[in-house]
Amino acid sequence: MTVLILGLGLIGASLAKTLKKNTAHCVLGWNRTPSVAQRALADGAIDATGSLEKLLPQADTVSYTHLTL
């Protein structure tokens, strides 16, 4: 399964790390501040990042309840 996490702050990044550690899911991540998403990618919390237009079609499920708009 491919999971897209929108918002990679404390909650989103923790969710991403937990999914990566405990499942075989592919974890995609997006953040409104691209440098935050790049840091999560460099830390291994997510497998890929990019634009929503690129990521949304790849996702089987999307987590966004922790997103600050």
C-alpha atoms as a PDB file:
ATOM      1  CA  MET A   1       0.000   0.000   0.000  1.00  0.00           C
ATOM      2  CA  THR A   2       1.131   3.534  -0.688  1.00  0.00           C
ATOM      3  CA  VAL A   3       0.346   6.078   2.020  1.00  0.00           C
ATOM      4  CA  LEU A   4       0.547   9.820   1.414  1.00  0.00           C
ATOM      5  CA  ILE A   5       0.997  11.983   4.506  1.00  0.00           C
ATOM      6  CA  LEU A   6       0.083  15.639   4.103  1.00  0.00           C
ATOM      7  CA  GLY A   7       1.879  17.714   6.710  1.00  0.00           C
ATOM      8  CA  LEU A   8       5.202  16.544   8.095  1.00  0.00           C
ATOM      9  CA  GLY A   9       5.309  18.373  11.407  1.00  0.00           C
ATOM     10  CA  LEU A  10       5.504  16.558  14.722  1.00  0.00           C
ATOM     11  CA  ILE A  11       2.431  14.397  14.186  1.00  0.00           C
ATOM     12  CA  GLY A  12       2.839  13.732  10.463  1.00  0.00           C
ATOM     13  CA  ALA A  13       6.542  12.935  10.736  1.00  0.00           C
ATOM     14  CA  SER A  14       5.906  10.648  13.715  1.00  0.00           C
ATOM     15  CA  LEU A  15       3.224   8.822  11.746  1.00  0.00           C
ATOM     16  CA  ALA A  16       5.574   8.473   8.767  1.00  0.00           C
ATOM     17  CA  LYS A  17       8.391   7.091  10.926  1.00  0.00           C
ATOM     18  CA  THR A  18       6.043   4.626  12.610  1.00  0.00           C
ATOM     19  CA  LEU A  19       4.707   3.387   9.274  1.00  0.00           C
ATOM     20  CA  LYS A  20       8.225   3.008   7.866  1.00  0.00           C
ATOM     21  CA  LYS A  21       9.432   1.137  10.955  1.00  0.00           C
ATOM     22  CA  ASN A  22       6.487  -1.222  11.372  1.00  0.00           C
ATOM     23  CA  THR A  23       5.094  -1.854   7.893  1.00  0.00           C
ATOM     24  CA  ALA A  24       6.194  -2.498   4.332  1.00  0.00           C
ATOM     25  CA  HIS A  25       4.089   0.406   3.042  1.00  0.00           C
ATOM     26  CA  CYS A  26       5.540   2.991   0.708  1.00  0.00           C
ATOM     27  CA  VAL A  27       5.284   6.335   2.531  1.00  0.00           C
ATOM     28  CA  LEU A  28       5.013   9.519   0.489  1.00  0.00           C
ATOM     29  CA  GLY A  29       5.148  12.911   2.164  1.00  0.00           C
ATOM     30  CA  TRP A  30       4.155  16.457   1.339  1.00  0.00           C
ATOM     31  CA  ASN A  31       4.548  19.646   3.349  1.00  0.00           C
ATOM     32  CA  ARG A  32       3.649  23.220   2.420  1.00  0.00           C
ATOM     33  CA  THR A  33       7.268  24.118   3.219  1.00  0.00           C
ATOM     34  CA  PRO A  34       9.287  21.995   0.768  1.00  0.00           C
ATOM     35  CA  SER A  35      12.442  22.047   2.907  1.00  0.00           C
ATOM     36  CA  VAL A  36      10.554  20.221   5.684  1.00  0.00           C
ATOM     37  CA  ALA A  37       9.586  17.460   3.246  1.00  0.00           C
ATOM     38  CA  GLN A  38      13.168  17.276   1.956  1.00  0.00           C
ATOM     39  CA  ARG A  39      14.429  16.904   5.531  1.00  0.00           C
ATOM     40  CA  ALA A  40      11.960  14.065   6.161  1.00  0.00           C
ATOM     41  CA  LEU A  41      13.186  12.382   2.980  1.00  0.00           C
ATOM     42  CA  ALA A  42      16.834  12.788   4.007  1.00  0.00           C
ATOM     43  CA  ASP A  43      16.036  11.393   7.475  1.00  0.00           C
ATOM     44  CA  GLY A  44      14.390   8.315   5.938  1.00  0.00           C
ATOM     45  CA  ALA A  45      10.947   9.144   7.355  1.00  0.00           C
ATOM     46  CA  ILE A  46       9.400   9.072   3.862  1.00  0.00           C
ATOM     47  CA  ASP A  47      10.211   7.333   0.589  1.00  0.00           C
ATOM     48  CA  ALA A  48       9.437  10.247  -1.735  1.00  0.00           C
ATOM     49  CA  THR A  49       8.145  13.797  -1.862  1.00  0.00           C
ATOM     50  CA  GLY A  50       7.073  16.203  -4.564  1.00  0.00           C
ATOM     51  CA  SER A  51       4.067  18.168  -5.713  1.00  0.00           C
ATOM     52  CA  LEU A  52       0.554  17.154  -4.761  1.00  0.00           C
ATOM     53  CA  GLU A  53      -0.203  16.725  -8.463  1.00  0.00           C
ATOM     54  CA  LYS A  54       2.530  14.084  -8.632  1.00  0.00           C
ATOM     55  CA  LEU A  55       1.885  12.367  -5.303  1.00  0.00           C
ATOM     56  CA  LEU A  56      -1.911  12.119  -5.108  1.00  0.00           C
ATOM     57  CA  PRO A  57      -2.348   9.728  -8.069  1.00  0.00           C
ATOM     58  CA  GLN A  58       0.203   7.353  -6.515  1.00  0.00           C
ATOM     59  CA  ALA A  59      -1.524   7.138  -3.121  1.00  0.00           C
ATOM     60  CA  ASP A  60      -3.841   4.356  -2.015  1.00  0.00           C
ATOM     61  CA  THR A  61      -4.721   6.342   1.098  1.00  0.00           C
ATOM     62  CA  VAL A  62      -4.106   9.889   2.322  1.00  0.00           C
ATOM     63  CA  SER A  63      -3.595  11.087   5.903  1.00  0.00           C
ATOM     64  CA  TYR A  64      -4.316  14.766   6.396  1.00  0.00           C
ATOM     65  CA  THR A  65      -6.003  15.280   9.783  1.00  0.00           C
ATOM     66  CA  HIS A  66      -2.784  16.737  11.219  1.00  0.00           C
ATOM     67  CA  LEU A  67      -2.396  19.277   8.384  1.00  0.00           C
ATOM     68  CA  THR A  68      -2.326  22.931   9.380  1.00  0.00           C
ATOM     69  CA  LEU A  69      -3.892  25.055   6.677  1.00  0.00           C
END
